[in-house]
Structure formats: structure tokens, C-alpha cells
Amino acid sequence: MDVQVFGTHKHADVRKALRFFSERRVNVHFVDLKERAASKGELQRFAQKFGISALIDKNSKRYGELGLGVVRYDDSRWLDKLVEEPLVIRVPLVRCQHKVTIGLAEDEWNSWVEAAKA
């Protein structure tokens, strides 16, 4: 079983996700959003399941710096903005094959690990 985790090392929930998978000996491919932004296609996978608003971290420092609280973008413009400004994305984004989660979702991750064992 392999998972892909998007986030930054400084974010507490990202560290919890990485620890969760390492404790269960799951191979993790970590994508640091400070070094490399997620592609538009990757973000679309998460947006299709949860909606674009679930991807936006309205409490992030970068969100406030850019003044995004007052803008009214449509979904495609938000997707472009998230590709340009990855520090506005709610993390961790976790993908395992075709399954995805946003934020801390240990119960769901546990079900993935259990299914992989079976």
C-alpha cells in the first residue's frame, strides 16, 4: 500500500498524518507544497469529491495576506488560485489509489490500512 500526502512539514496535522502512516509501515510519498505545488489535475480529484470550498483553508496566514476573504471566484478560478498559491490549501491532502481525504481523517485512513491487509 502506498499513499501520497500533500502538505508542509510545519503543519501539525501533516506531521500527524505522516506519523500515522509510518507507525503502520505504509509507504508514503510526501509532497511539500512549499517546494512543489500540487498540479491542477491532482487538486481536481479532491475538488470532485469534496467541493472546491473544502480545499480552501480560510484560516491560513497566506489566505489573509492575499485578501481572499472578499473575492468571489468561480470554482475554476479558485482551482487556478490554489495551484498558484499552494499555502492556501487545507492540508493534509491524502490520496491512496482513487480514495482521497482532506484534513485529519484517521478513521478513514485506518479503513484503508485494514482493507490493504485483507
PDB file of N, CA and C in Angstrom:
ATOM      1  N   MET A   1       0.854  -1.188   0.000  1.00  0.00           N
ATOM      2  CA  MET A   1       0.000   0.000   0.000  1.00  0.00           C
ATOM      3  C   MET A   1       0.892   1.240   0.000  1.00  0.00           C
ATOM      4  N   ASP A   2       0.568   2.162  -0.872  1.00  0.00           N
ATOM      5  CA  ASP A   2       1.274   3.435  -0.958  1.00  0.00           C
ATOM      6  C   ASP A   2       0.271   4.565  -0.842  1.00  0.00           C
ATOM      7  N   VAL A   3       0.666   5.633  -0.136  1.00  0.00           N
ATOM      8  CA  VAL A   3      -0.173   6.825  -0.048  1.00  0.00           C
ATOM      9  C   VAL A   3       0.656   8.034  -0.442  1.00  0.00           C
ATOM     10  N   GLN A   4      -0.053   9.058  -0.881  1.00  0.00           N
ATOM     11  CA  GLN A   4       0.579  10.321  -1.216  1.00  0.00           C
ATOM     12  C   GLN A   4       0.000  11.375  -0.291  1.00  0.00           C
ATOM     13  N   VAL A   5       0.880  12.129   0.371  1.00  0.00           N
ATOM     14  CA  VAL A   5       0.463  13.159   1.322  1.00  0.00           C
ATOM     15  C   VAL A   5       0.983  14.501   0.824  1.00  0.00           C
ATOM     16  N   PHE A   6       0.075  15.457   0.698  1.00  0.00           N
ATOM     17  CA  PHE A   6       0.421  16.821   0.316  1.00  0.00           C
ATOM     18  C   PHE A   6       0.326  17.693   1.544  1.00  0.00           C
ATOM     19  N   GLY A   7       1.320  18.559   1.751  1.00  0.00           N
ATOM     20  CA  GLY A   7       1.283  19.471   2.887  1.00  0.00           C
ATOM     21  C   GLY A   7       2.624  20.128   3.093  1.00  0.00           C
ATOM     22  N   THR A   8       2.828  20.677   4.287  1.00  0.00           N
ATOM     23  CA  THR A   8       4.116  21.260   4.670  1.00  0.00           C
ATOM     24  C   THR A   8       4.555  20.625   5.984  1.00  0.00           C
ATOM     25  N   HIS A   9       5.856  20.516   6.165  1.00  0.00           N
ATOM     26  CA  HIS A   9       6.379  19.871   7.377  1.00  0.00           C
ATOM     27  C   HIS A   9       6.024  20.638   8.644  1.00  0.00           C
ATOM     28  N   LYS A  10       5.778  21.927   8.544  1.00  0.00           N
ATOM     29  CA  LYS A  10       5.479  22.725   9.731  1.00  0.00           C
ATOM     30  C   LYS A  10       4.055  22.520  10.249  1.00  0.00           C
ATOM     31  N   HIS A  11       3.163  22.046   9.421  1.00  0.00           N
ATOM     32  CA  HIS A  11       1.753  21.919   9.805  1.00  0.00           C
ATOM     33  C   HIS A  11       1.562  20.700  10.707  1.00  0.00           C
ATOM     34  N   ALA A  12       0.938  20.895  11.861  1.00  0.00           N
ATOM     35  CA  ALA A  12       0.780  19.825  12.856  1.00  0.00           C
ATOM     36  C   ALA A  12      -0.022  18.638  12.321  1.00  0.00           C
ATOM     37  N   ASP A  13      -1.105  18.909  11.586  1.00  0.00           N
ATOM     38  CA  ASP A  13      -1.926  17.811  11.065  1.00  0.00           C
ATOM     39  C   ASP A  13      -1.181  16.991  10.010  1.00  0.00           C
ATOM     40  N   VAL A  14      -0.308  17.641   9.260  1.00  0.00           N
ATOM     41  CA  VAL A  14       0.507  16.920   8.273  1.00  0.00           C
ATOM     42  C   VAL A  14       1.468  15.991   9.002  1.00  0.00           C
ATOM     43  N   ARG A  15       2.094  16.493  10.054  1.00  0.00           N
ATOM     44  CA  ARG A  15       3.010  15.657  10.842  1.00  0.00           C
ATOM     45  C   ARG A  15       2.272  14.469  11.450  1.00  0.00           C
ATOM     46  N   LYS A  16       1.030  14.696  11.918  1.00  0.00           N
ATOM     47  CA  LYS A  16       0.227  13.596  12.478  1.00  0.00           C
ATOM     48  C   LYS A  16      -0.078  12.553  11.410  1.00  0.00           C
ATOM     49  N   ALA A  17      -0.401  13.013  10.202  1.00  0.00           N
ATOM     50  CA  ALA A  17      -0.693  12.081   9.105  1.00  0.00           C
ATOM     51  C   ALA A  17       0.541  11.258   8.756  1.00  0.00           C
ATOM     52  N   LEU A  18       1.681  11.910   8.652  1.00  0.00           N
ATOM     53  CA  LEU A  18       2.916  11.194   8.328  1.00  0.00           C
ATOM     54  C   LEU A  18       3.257  10.182   9.410  1.00  0.00           C
ATOM     55  N   ARG A  19       3.060  10.568  10.676  1.00  0.00           N
ATOM     56  CA  ARG A  19       3.318   9.648  11.788  1.00  0.00           C
ATOM     57  C   ARG A  19       2.341   8.473  11.752  1.00  0.00           C
ATOM     58  N   PHE A  20       1.072   8.758  11.459  1.00  0.00           N
ATOM     59  CA  PHE A  20       0.049   7.711  11.387  1.00  0.00           C
ATOM     60  C   PHE A  20       0.475   6.616  10.398  1.00  0.00           C
ATOM     61  N   PHE A  21       0.876   7.025   9.210  1.00  0.00           N
ATOM     62  CA  PHE A  21       1.238   6.045   8.181  1.00  0.00           C
ATOM     63  C   PHE A  21       2.576   5.369   8.482  1.00  0.00           C
ATOM     64  N   SER A  22       3.525   6.100   9.031  1.00  0.00           N
ATOM     65  CA  SER A  22       4.815   5.470   9.331  1.00  0.00           C
ATOM     66  C   SER A  22       4.678   4.440  10.447  1.00  0.00           C
ATOM     67  N   GLU A  23       3.814   4.697  11.433  1.00  0.00           N
ATOM     68  CA  GLU A  23       3.590   3.730  12.508  1.00  0.00           C
ATOM     69  C   GLU A  23       2.976   2.436  11.983  1.00  0.00           C
ATOM     70  N   ARG A  24       2.271   2.518  10.879  1.00  0.00           N
ATOM     71  CA  ARG A  24       1.629   1.337  10.284  1.00  0.00           C
ATOM     72  C   ARG A  24       2.431   0.770   9.119  1.00  0.00           C
ATOM     73  N   ARG A  25       3.652   1.259   8.973  1.00  0.00           N
ATOM     74  CA  ARG A  25       4.581   0.796   7.942  1.00  0.00           C
ATOM     75  C   ARG A  25       3.993   0.900   6.525  1.00  0.00           C
ATOM     76  N   VAL A  26       3.365   2.037   6.275  1.00  0.00           N
ATOM     77  CA  VAL A  26       2.795   2.313   4.951  1.00  0.00           C
ATOM     78  C   VAL A  26       3.774   3.212   4.205  1.00  0.00           C
ATOM     79  N   ASN A  27       4.042   2.880   2.954  1.00  0.00           N
ATOM     80  CA  ASN A  27       4.927   3.708   2.131  1.00  0.00           C
ATOM     81  C   ASN A  27       4.252   5.039   1.850  1.00  0.00           C
ATOM     82  N   VAL A  28       4.970   6.133   2.140  1.00  0.00           N
ATOM     83  CA  VAL A  28       4.411   7.473   1.959  1.00  0.00           C
ATOM     84  C   VAL A  28       5.274   8.252   0.980  1.00  0.00           C
ATOM     85  N   HIS A  29       4.604   8.844  -0.001  1.00  0.00           N
ATOM     86  CA  HIS A  29       5.263   9.798  -0.895  1.00  0.00           C
ATOM     87  C   HIS A  29       4.786  11.172  -0.455  1.00  0.00           C
ATOM     88  N   PHE A  30       5.685  11.951   0.135  1.00  0.00           N
ATOM     89  CA  PHE A  30       5.320  13.257   0.669  1.00  0.00           C
ATOM     90  C   PHE A  30       5.631  14.346  -0.355  1.00  0.00           C
ATOM     91  N   VAL A  31       4.658  15.223  -0.594  1.00  0.00           N
ATOM     92  CA  VAL A  31       4.835  16.363  -1.490  1.00  0.00           C
ATOM     93  C   VAL A  31       4.763  17.624  -0.640  1.00  0.00           C
ATOM     94  N   ASP A  32       5.908  18.287  -0.496  1.00  0.00           N
ATOM     95  CA  ASP A  32       5.971  19.517   0.293  1.00  0.00           C
ATOM     96  C   ASP A  32       5.480  20.664  -0.583  1.00  0.00           C
ATOM     97  N   LEU A  33       4.364  21.252  -0.197  1.00  0.00           N
ATOM     98  CA  LEU A  33       3.757  22.312  -1.007  1.00  0.00           C
ATOM     99  C   LEU A  33       4.594  23.592  -1.039  1.00  0.00           C
ATOM    100  N   LYS A  34       5.553  23.728  -0.128  1.00  0.00           N
ATOM    101  CA  LYS A  34       6.443  24.892  -0.189  1.00  0.00           C
ATOM    102  C   LYS A  34       7.459  24.732  -1.309  1.00  0.00           C
ATOM    103  N   GLU A  35       7.789  23.480  -1.639  1.00  0.00           N
ATOM    104  CA  GLU A  35       8.782  23.224  -2.679  1.00  0.00           C
ATOM    105  C   GLU A  35       8.144  22.985  -4.040  1.00  0.00           C
ATOM    106  N   ARG A  36       7.003  22.308  -4.051  1.00  0.00           N
ATOM    107  CA  ARG A  36       6.356  21.959  -5.323  1.00  0.00           C
ATOM    108  C   ARG A  36       4.841  22.002  -5.137  1.00  0.00           C
ATOM    109  N   ALA A  37       4.197  22.795  -5.939  1.00  0.00           N
ATOM    110  CA  ALA A  37       2.737  22.912  -5.857  1.00  0.00           C
ATOM    111  C   ALA A  37       2.071  21.657  -6.419  1.00  0.00           C
ATOM    112  N   ALA A  38       0.901  21.355  -5.904  1.00  0.00           N
ATOM    113  CA  ALA A  38       0.106  20.257  -6.456  1.00  0.00           C
ATOM    114  C   ALA A  38      -0.395  20.683  -7.831  1.00  0.00           C
ATOM    115  N   SER A  39      -0.502  19.731  -8.734  1.00  0.00           N
ATOM    116  CA  SER A  39      -0.977  20.063 -10.079  1.00  0.00           C
ATOM    117  C   SER A  39      -2.484  20.303 -10.047  1.00  0.00           C
ATOM    118  N   LYS A  40      -2.966  20.948 -11.082  1.00  0.00           N
ATOM    119  CA  LYS A  40      -4.396  21.232 -11.187  1.00  0.00           C
ATOM    120  C   LYS A  40      -5.188  19.923 -11.236  1.00  0.00           C
ATOM    121  N   GLY A  41      -4.666  18.916 -11.929  1.00  0.00           N
ATOM    122  CA  GLY A  41      -5.332  17.621 -12.017  1.00  0.00           C
ATOM    123  C   GLY A  41      -5.453  16.940 -10.668  1.00  0.00           C
ATOM    124  N   GLU A  42      -4.387  17.022  -9.855  1.00  0.00           N
ATOM    125  CA  GLU A  42      -4.434  16.437  -8.515  1.00  0.00           C
ATOM    126  C   GLU A  42      -5.507  17.131  -7.680  1.00  0.00           C
ATOM    127  N   LEU A  43      -5.516  18.456  -7.707  1.00  0.00           N
ATOM    128  CA  LEU A  43      -6.498  19.198  -6.912  1.00  0.00           C
ATOM    129  C   LEU A  43      -7.921  18.928  -7.377  1.00  0.00           C
ATOM    130  N   GLN A  44      -8.097  18.687  -8.669  1.00  0.00           N
ATOM    131  CA  GLN A  44      -9.439  18.394  -9.186  1.00  0.00           C
ATOM    132  C   GLN A  44      -9.990  17.103  -8.586  1.00  0.00           C
ATOM    133  N   ARG A  45      -9.124  16.117  -8.346  1.00  0.00           N
ATOM    134  CA  ARG A  45      -9.584  14.865  -7.727  1.00  0.00           C
ATOM    135  C   ARG A  45     -10.224  15.132  -6.372  1.00  0.00           C
ATOM    136  N   PHE A  46      -9.572  15.983  -5.587  1.00  0.00           N
ATOM    137  CA  PHE A  46     -10.098  16.312  -4.263  1.00  0.00           C
ATOM    138  C   PHE A  46     -11.359  17.176  -4.381  1.00  0.00           C
ATOM    139  N   ALA A  47     -11.343  18.121  -5.320  1.00  0.00           N
ATOM    140  CA  ALA A  47     -12.492  19.011  -5.503  1.00  0.00           C
ATOM    141  C   ALA A  47     -13.717  18.261  -5.999  1.00  0.00           C
ATOM    142  N   GLN A  48     -13.535  17.233  -6.815  1.00  0.00           N
ATOM    143  CA  GLN A  48     -14.672  16.458  -7.311  1.00  0.00           C
ATOM    144  C   GLN A  48     -15.395  15.744  -6.176  1.00  0.00           C
ATOM    145  N   LYS A  49     -14.645  15.273  -5.203  1.00  0.00           N
ATOM    146  CA  LYS A  49     -15.273  14.541  -4.102  1.00  0.00           C
ATOM    147  C   LYS A  49     -15.824  15.470  -3.026  1.00  0.00           C
ATOM    148  N   PHE A  50     -15.054  16.515  -2.668  1.00  0.00           N
ATOM    149  CA  PHE A  50     -15.417  17.338  -1.515  1.00  0.00           C
ATOM    150  C   PHE A  50     -15.915  18.735  -1.865  1.00  0.00           C
ATOM    151  N   GLY A  51     -15.711  19.167  -3.102  1.00  0.00           N
ATOM    152  CA  GLY A  51     -16.058  20.539  -3.476  1.00  0.00           C
ATOM    153  C   GLY A  51     -14.856  21.448  -3.288  1.00  0.00           C
ATOM    154  N   ILE A  52     -14.801  22.490  -4.066  1.00  0.00           N
ATOM    155  CA  ILE A  52     -13.639  23.381  -4.042  1.00  0.00           C
ATOM    156  C   ILE A  52     -13.516  24.105  -2.703  1.00  0.00           C
ATOM    157  N   SER A  53     -14.622  24.424  -2.057  1.00  0.00           N
ATOM    158  CA  SER A  53     -14.552  25.175  -0.797  1.00  0.00           C
ATOM    159  C   SER A  53     -13.891  24.355   0.312  1.00  0.00           C
ATOM    160  N   ALA A  54     -13.961  23.032   0.240  1.00  0.00           N
ATOM    161  CA  ALA A  54     -13.320  22.180   1.248  1.00  0.00           C
ATOM    162  C   ALA A  54     -11.799  22.228   1.119  1.00  0.00           C
ATOM    163  N   LEU A  55     -11.289  22.602  -0.048  1.00  0.00           N
ATOM    164  CA  LEU A  55      -9.842  22.679  -0.267  1.00  0.00           C
ATOM    165  C   LEU A  55      -9.229  23.976   0.253  1.00  0.00           C
ATOM    166  N   ILE A  56     -10.048  24.965   0.531  1.00  0.00           N
ATOM    167  CA  ILE A  56      -9.550  26.292   0.888  1.00  0.00           C
ATOM    168  C   ILE A  56      -9.440  26.415   2.408  1.00  0.00           C
ATOM    169  N   ASP A  57      -8.237  26.755   2.872  1.00  0.00           N
ATOM    170  CA  ASP A  57      -8.012  26.964   4.301  1.00  0.00           C
ATOM    171  C   ASP A  57      -8.183  28.454   4.599  1.00  0.00           C
ATOM    172  N   LYS A  58      -9.380  28.808   5.032  1.00  0.00           N
ATOM    173  CA  LYS A  58      -9.692  30.210   5.271  1.00  0.00           C
ATOM    174  C   LYS A  58      -8.995  30.759   6.509  1.00  0.00           C
ATOM    175  N   ASN A  59      -8.396  29.885   7.300  1.00  0.00           N
ATOM    176  CA  ASN A  59      -7.670  30.318   8.495  1.00  0.00           C
ATOM    177  C   ASN A  59      -6.165  30.436   8.252  1.00  0.00           C
ATOM    178  N   SER A  60      -5.724  30.126   7.042  1.00  0.00           N
ATOM    179  CA  SER A  60      -4.280  30.168   6.774  1.00  0.00           C
ATOM    180  C   SER A  60      -3.792  31.610   6.714  1.00  0.00           C
ATOM    181  N   LYS A  61      -2.552  31.775   7.100  1.00  0.00           N
ATOM    182  CA  LYS A  61      -1.924  33.098   7.077  1.00  0.00           C
ATOM    183  C   LYS A  61      -1.908  33.660   5.655  1.00  0.00           C
ATOM    184  N   ARG A  62      -1.594  32.807   4.694  1.00  0.00           N
ATOM    185  CA  ARG A  62      -1.497  33.246   3.295  1.00  0.00           C
ATOM    186  C   ARG A  62      -2.846  33.709   2.755  1.00  0.00           C
ATOM    187  N   TYR A  63      -3.921  33.050   3.157  1.00  0.00           N
ATOM    188  CA  TYR A  63      -5.278  33.434   2.741  1.00  0.00           C
ATOM    189  C   TYR A  63      -5.547  34.888   3.155  1.00  0.00           C
ATOM    190  N   GLY A  64      -5.181  35.219   4.380  1.00  0.00           N
ATOM    191  CA  GLY A  64      -5.370  36.581   4.869  1.00  0.00           C
ATOM    192  C   GLY A  64      -4.470  37.583   4.172  1.00  0.00           C
ATOM    193  N   GLU A  65      -3.203  37.187   3.948  1.00  0.00           N
ATOM    194  CA  GLU A  65      -2.257  38.084   3.277  1.00  0.00           C
ATOM    195  C   GLU A  65      -2.717  38.466   1.880  1.00  0.00           C
ATOM    196  N   LEU A  66      -3.335  37.522   1.194  1.00  0.00           N
ATOM    197  CA  LEU A  66      -3.787  37.770  -0.178  1.00  0.00           C
ATOM    198  C   LEU A  66      -5.151  38.458  -0.237  1.00  0.00           C
ATOM    199  N   GLY A  67      -5.807  38.596   0.917  1.00  0.00           N
ATOM    200  CA  GLY A  67      -7.115  39.241   0.951  1.00  0.00           C
ATOM    201  C   GLY A  67      -8.189  38.441   0.235  1.00  0.00           C
ATOM    202  N   LEU A  68      -8.101  37.122   0.316  1.00  0.00           N
ATOM    203  CA  LEU A  68      -9.034  36.268  -0.424  1.00  0.00           C
ATOM    204  C   LEU A  68     -10.421  36.177   0.209  1.00  0.00           C
ATOM    205  N   GLY A  69     -10.575  36.700   1.406  1.00  0.00           N
ATOM    206  CA  GLY A  69     -11.875  36.652   2.070  1.00  0.00           C
ATOM    207  C   GLY A  69     -12.945  37.472   1.368  1.00  0.00           C
ATOM    208  N   VAL A  70     -12.538  38.437   0.575  1.00  0.00           N
ATOM    209  CA  VAL A  70     -13.516  39.316  -0.070  1.00  0.00           C
ATOM    210  C   VAL A  70     -13.733  39.001  -1.542  1.00  0.00           C
ATOM    211  N   VAL A  71     -12.939  38.084  -2.088  1.00  0.00           N
ATOM    212  CA  VAL A  71     -13.072  37.793  -3.524  1.00  0.00           C
ATOM    213  C   VAL A  71     -14.210  36.810  -3.774  1.00  0.00           C
ATOM    214  N   ARG A  72     -14.761  36.868  -4.964  1.00  0.00           N
ATOM    215  CA  ARG A  72     -15.828  35.959  -5.382  1.00  0.00           C
ATOM    216  C   ARG A  72     -15.400  35.274  -6.673  1.00  0.00           C
ATOM    217  N   TYR A  73     -14.658  34.169  -6.522  1.00  0.00           N
ATOM    218  CA  TYR A  73     -14.196  33.415  -7.677  1.00  0.00           C
ATOM    219  C   TYR A  73     -15.144  32.262  -7.960  1.00  0.00           C
ATOM    220  N   ASP A  74     -15.224  31.860  -9.226  1.00  0.00           N
ATOM    221  CA  ASP A  74     -15.935  30.617  -9.530  1.00  0.00           C
ATOM    222  C   ASP A  74     -14.967  29.461  -9.264  1.00  0.00           C
ATOM    223  N   ASP A  75     -15.465  28.226  -9.355  1.00  0.00           N
ATOM    224  CA  ASP A  75     -14.660  27.066  -8.989  1.00  0.00           C
ATOM    225  C   ASP A  75     -13.388  26.929  -9.818  1.00  0.00           C
ATOM    226  N   SER A  76     -13.472  27.189 -11.118  1.00  0.00           N
ATOM    227  CA  SER A  76     -12.276  27.030 -11.951  1.00  0.00           C
ATOM    228  C   SER A  76     -11.216  28.078 -11.597  1.00  0.00           C
ATOM    229  N   ARG A  77     -11.637  29.291 -11.272  1.00  0.00           N
ATOM    230  CA  ARG A  77     -10.683  30.335 -10.870  1.00  0.00           C
ATOM    231  C   ARG A  77     -10.064  29.986  -9.520  1.00  0.00           C
ATOM    232  N   TRP A  78     -10.856  29.442  -8.598  1.00  0.00           N
ATOM    233  CA  TRP A  78     -10.306  29.015  -7.303  1.00  0.00           C
ATOM    234  C   TRP A  78      -9.257  27.927  -7.512  1.00  0.00           C
ATOM    235  N   LEU A  79      -9.539  26.996  -8.404  1.00  0.00           N
ATOM    236  CA  LEU A  79      -8.591  25.912  -8.674  1.00  0.00           C
ATOM    237  C   LEU A  79      -7.268  26.479  -9.190  1.00  0.00           C
ATOM    238  N   ASP A  80      -7.352  27.434 -10.109  1.00  0.00           N
ATOM    239  CA  ASP A  80      -6.142  28.094 -10.616  1.00  0.00           C
ATOM    240  C   ASP A  80      -5.396  28.811  -9.486  1.00  0.00           C
ATOM    241  N   LYS A  81      -6.152  29.464  -8.605  1.00  0.00           N
ATOM    242  CA  LYS A  81      -5.549  30.197  -7.493  1.00  0.00           C
ATOM    243  C   LYS A  81      -4.843  29.250  -6.529  1.00  0.00           C
ATOM    244  N   LEU A  82      -5.434  28.080  -6.285  1.00  0.00           N
ATOM    245  CA  LEU A  82      -4.817  27.108  -5.387  1.00  0.00           C
ATOM    246  C   LEU A  82      -3.538  26.521  -5.975  1.00  0.00           C
ATOM    247  N   VAL A  83      -3.484  26.403  -7.293  1.00  0.00           N
ATOM    248  CA  VAL A  83      -2.254  25.946  -7.949  1.00  0.00           C
ATOM    249  C   VAL A  83      -1.168  27.024  -7.804  1.00  0.00           C
ATOM    250  N   GLU A  84      -1.569  28.299  -7.962  1.00  0.00           N
ATOM    251  CA  GLU A  84      -0.622  29.411  -7.826  1.00  0.00           C
ATOM    252  C   GLU A  84      -0.165  29.606  -6.385  1.00  0.00           C
ATOM    253  N   GLU A  85      -1.069  29.427  -5.453  1.00  0.00           N
ATOM    254  CA  GLU A  85      -0.817  29.689  -4.033  1.00  0.00           C
ATOM    255  C   GLU A  85      -1.107  28.436  -3.202  1.00  0.00           C
ATOM    256  N   PRO A  86      -0.210  27.459  -3.204  1.00  0.00           N
ATOM    257  CA  PRO A  86      -0.476  26.197  -2.504  1.00  0.00           C
ATOM    258  C   PRO A  86      -0.585  26.327  -0.987  1.00  0.00           C
ATOM    259  N   LEU A  87      -0.107  27.432  -0.413  1.00  0.00           N
ATOM    260  CA  LEU A  87      -0.197  27.587   1.038  1.00  0.00           C
ATOM    261  C   LEU A  87      -1.598  27.995   1.493  1.00  0.00           C
ATOM    262  N   VAL A  88      -2.533  28.123   0.562  1.00  0.00           N
ATOM    263  CA  VAL A  88      -3.934  28.415   0.887  1.00  0.00           C
ATOM    264  C   VAL A  88      -4.740  27.117   0.972  1.00  0.00           C
ATOM    265  N   ILE A  89      -4.117  26.009   0.595  1.00  0.00           N
ATOM    266  CA  ILE A  89      -4.808  24.710   0.584  1.00  0.00           C
ATOM    267  C   ILE A  89      -4.909  24.138   1.993  1.00  0.00           C
ATOM    268  N   ARG A  90      -6.064  23.603   2.312  1.00  0.00           N
ATOM    269  CA  ARG A  90      -6.269  22.911   3.595  1.00  0.00           C
ATOM    270  C   ARG A  90      -5.531  21.577   3.537  1.00  0.00           C
ATOM    271  N   VAL A  91      -4.658  21.338   4.489  1.00  0.00           N
ATOM    272  CA  VAL A  91      -3.827  20.134   4.478  1.00  0.00           C
ATOM    273  C   VAL A  91      -4.059  19.315   5.747  1.00  0.00           C
ATOM    274  N   PRO A  92      -3.708  18.054   5.765  1.00  0.00           N
ATOM    275  CA  PRO A  92      -3.079  17.296   4.701  1.00  0.00           C
ATOM    276  C   PRO A  92      -4.088  16.810   3.663  1.00  0.00           C
ATOM    277  N   LEU A  93      -3.645  16.769   2.419  1.00  0.00           N
ATOM    278  CA  LEU A  93      -4.395  16.096   1.364  1.00  0.00           C
ATOM    279  C   LEU A  93      -3.759  14.717   1.240  1.00  0.00           C
ATOM    280  N   VAL A  94      -4.561  13.674   1.361  1.00  0.00           N
ATOM    281  CA  VAL A  94      -4.028  12.314   1.323  1.00  0.00           C
ATOM    282  C   VAL A  94      -4.746  11.535   0.233  1.00  0.00           C
ATOM    283  N   ARG A  95      -3.946  10.827  -0.577  1.00  0.00           N
ATOM    284  CA  ARG A  95      -4.505  10.032  -1.667  1.00  0.00           C
ATOM    285  C   ARG A  95      -3.939   8.623  -1.603  1.00  0.00           C
ATOM    286  N   CYS A  96      -4.826   7.663  -1.747  1.00  0.00           N
ATOM    287  CA  CYS A  96      -4.441   6.256  -1.834  1.00  0.00           C
ATOM    288  C   CYS A  96      -5.253   5.662  -2.979  1.00  0.00           C
ATOM    289  N   GLN A  97      -4.588   5.395  -4.091  1.00  0.00           N
ATOM    290  CA  GLN A  97      -5.230   4.947  -5.318  1.00  0.00           C
ATOM    291  C   GLN A  97      -6.310   5.953  -5.707  1.00  0.00           C
ATOM    292  N   HIS A  98      -7.589   5.579  -5.672  1.00  0.00           N
ATOM    293  CA  HIS A  98      -8.658   6.508  -6.069  1.00  0.00           C
ATOM    294  C   HIS A  98      -9.382   7.108  -4.867  1.00  0.00           C
ATOM    295  N   LYS A  99      -8.893   6.820  -3.657  1.00  0.00           N
ATOM    296  CA  LYS A  99      -9.510   7.351  -2.445  1.00  0.00           C
ATOM    297  C   LYS A  99      -8.746   8.587  -1.991  1.00  0.00           C
ATOM    298  N   VAL A 100      -9.492   9.596  -1.543  1.00  0.00           N
ATOM    299  CA  VAL A 100      -8.861  10.849  -1.123  1.00  0.00           C
ATOM    300  C   VAL A 100      -9.495  11.357   0.164  1.00  0.00           C
ATOM    301  N   THR A 101      -8.686  12.097   0.949  1.00  0.00           N
ATOM    302  CA  THR A 101      -9.203  12.780   2.135  1.00  0.00           C
ATOM    303  C   THR A 101      -8.570  14.159   2.220  1.00  0.00           C
ATOM    304  N   ILE A 102      -9.273  15.050   2.904  1.00  0.00           N
ATOM    305  CA  ILE A 102      -8.766  16.382   3.182  1.00  0.00           C
ATOM    306  C   ILE A 102      -8.768  16.551   4.687  1.00  0.00           C
ATOM    307  N   GLY A 103      -7.660  17.015   5.228  1.00  0.00           N
ATOM    308  CA  GLY A 103      -7.561  17.203   6.667  1.00  0.00           C
ATOM    309  C   GLY A 103      -7.262  15.891   7.381  1.00  0.00           C
ATOM    310  N   LEU A 104      -7.330  15.934   8.694  1.00  0.00           N
ATOM    311  CA  LEU A 104      -7.037  14.769   9.515  1.00  0.00           C
ATOM    312  C   LEU A 104      -8.223  13.808   9.458  1.00  0.00           C
ATOM    313  N   ALA A 105      -8.022  12.615   8.924  1.00  0.00           N
ATOM    314  CA  ALA A 105      -9.108  11.637   8.744  1.00  0.00           C
ATOM    315  C   ALA A 105      -8.618  10.243   9.135  1.00  0.00           C
ATOM    316  N   GLU A 106      -8.191  10.093  10.383  1.00  0.00           N
ATOM    317  CA  GLU A 106      -7.576   8.846  10.825  1.00  0.00           C
ATOM    318  C   GLU A 106      -8.511   7.648  10.709  1.00  0.00           C
ATOM    319  N   ASP A 107      -9.804   7.821  10.947  1.00  0.00           N
ATOM    320  CA  ASP A 107     -10.739   6.696  10.832  1.00  0.00           C
ATOM    321  C   ASP A 107     -10.768   6.158   9.406  1.00  0.00           C
ATOM    322  N   GLU A 108     -10.825   7.058   8.453  1.00  0.00           N
ATOM    323  CA  GLU A 108     -10.832   6.637   7.048  1.00  0.00           C
ATOM    324  C   GLU A 108      -9.504   5.991   6.660  1.00  0.00           C
ATOM    325  N   TRP A 109      -8.404   6.574   7.102  1.00  0.00           N
ATOM    326  CA  TRP A 109      -7.093   6.002   6.800  1.00  0.00           C
ATOM    327  C   TRP A 109      -6.971   4.605   7.397  1.00  0.00           C
ATOM    328  N   ASN A 110      -7.521   4.438   8.597  1.00  0.00           N
ATOM    329  CA  ASN A 110      -7.497   3.118   9.241  1.00  0.00           C
ATOM    330  C   ASN A 110      -8.228   2.099   8.392  1.00  0.00           C
ATOM    331  N   SER A 111      -9.359   2.492   7.815  1.00  0.00           N
ATOM    332  CA  SER A 111     -10.109   1.566   6.956  1.00  0.00           C
ATOM    333  C   SER A 111      -9.293   1.198   5.710  1.00  0.00           C
ATOM    334  N   TRP A 112      -8.518   2.142   5.193  1.00  0.00           N
ATOM    335  CA  TRP A 112      -7.655   1.853   4.049  1.00  0.00           C
ATOM    336  C   TRP A 112      -6.607   0.814   4.415  1.00  0.00           C
ATOM    337  N   VAL A 113      -5.985   1.003   5.592  1.00  0.00           N
ATOM    338  CA  VAL A 113      -4.923   0.102   6.036  1.00  0.00           C
ATOM    339  C   VAL A 113      -5.489  -1.298   6.283  1.00  0.00           C
ATOM    340  N   GLU A 114      -6.659  -1.360   6.922  1.00  0.00           N
ATOM    341  CA  GLU A 114      -7.285  -2.647   7.200  1.00  0.00           C
ATOM    342  C   GLU A 114      -7.658  -3.360   5.907  1.00  0.00           C
ATOM    343  N   ALA A 115      -8.174  -2.605   4.929  1.00  0.00           N
ATOM    344  CA  ALA A 115      -8.545  -3.205   3.645  1.00  0.00           C
ATOM    345  C   ALA A 115      -7.315  -3.724   2.909  1.00  0.00           C
ATOM    346  N   ALA A 116      -6.192  -3.054   3.059  1.00  0.00           N
ATOM    347  CA  ALA A 116      -4.970  -3.482   2.398  1.00  0.00           C
ATOM    348  C   ALA A 116      -4.418  -4.769   3.016  1.00  0.00           C
ATOM    349  N   LYS A 117      -4.670  -4.953   4.307  1.00  0.00           N
ATOM    350  CA  LYS A 117      -4.206  -6.161   4.999  1.00  0.00           C
ATOM    351  C   LYS A 117      -5.000  -7.391   4.579  1.00  0.00           C
ATOM    352  N   ALA A 118      -6.272  -7.168   4.249  1.00  0.00           N
ATOM    353  CA  ALA A 118      -7.172  -8.292   3.932  1.00  0.00           C
ATOM    354  C   ALA A 118      -6.844  -8.949   2.625  1.00  0.00           C
TER     355      ALA A 118
END
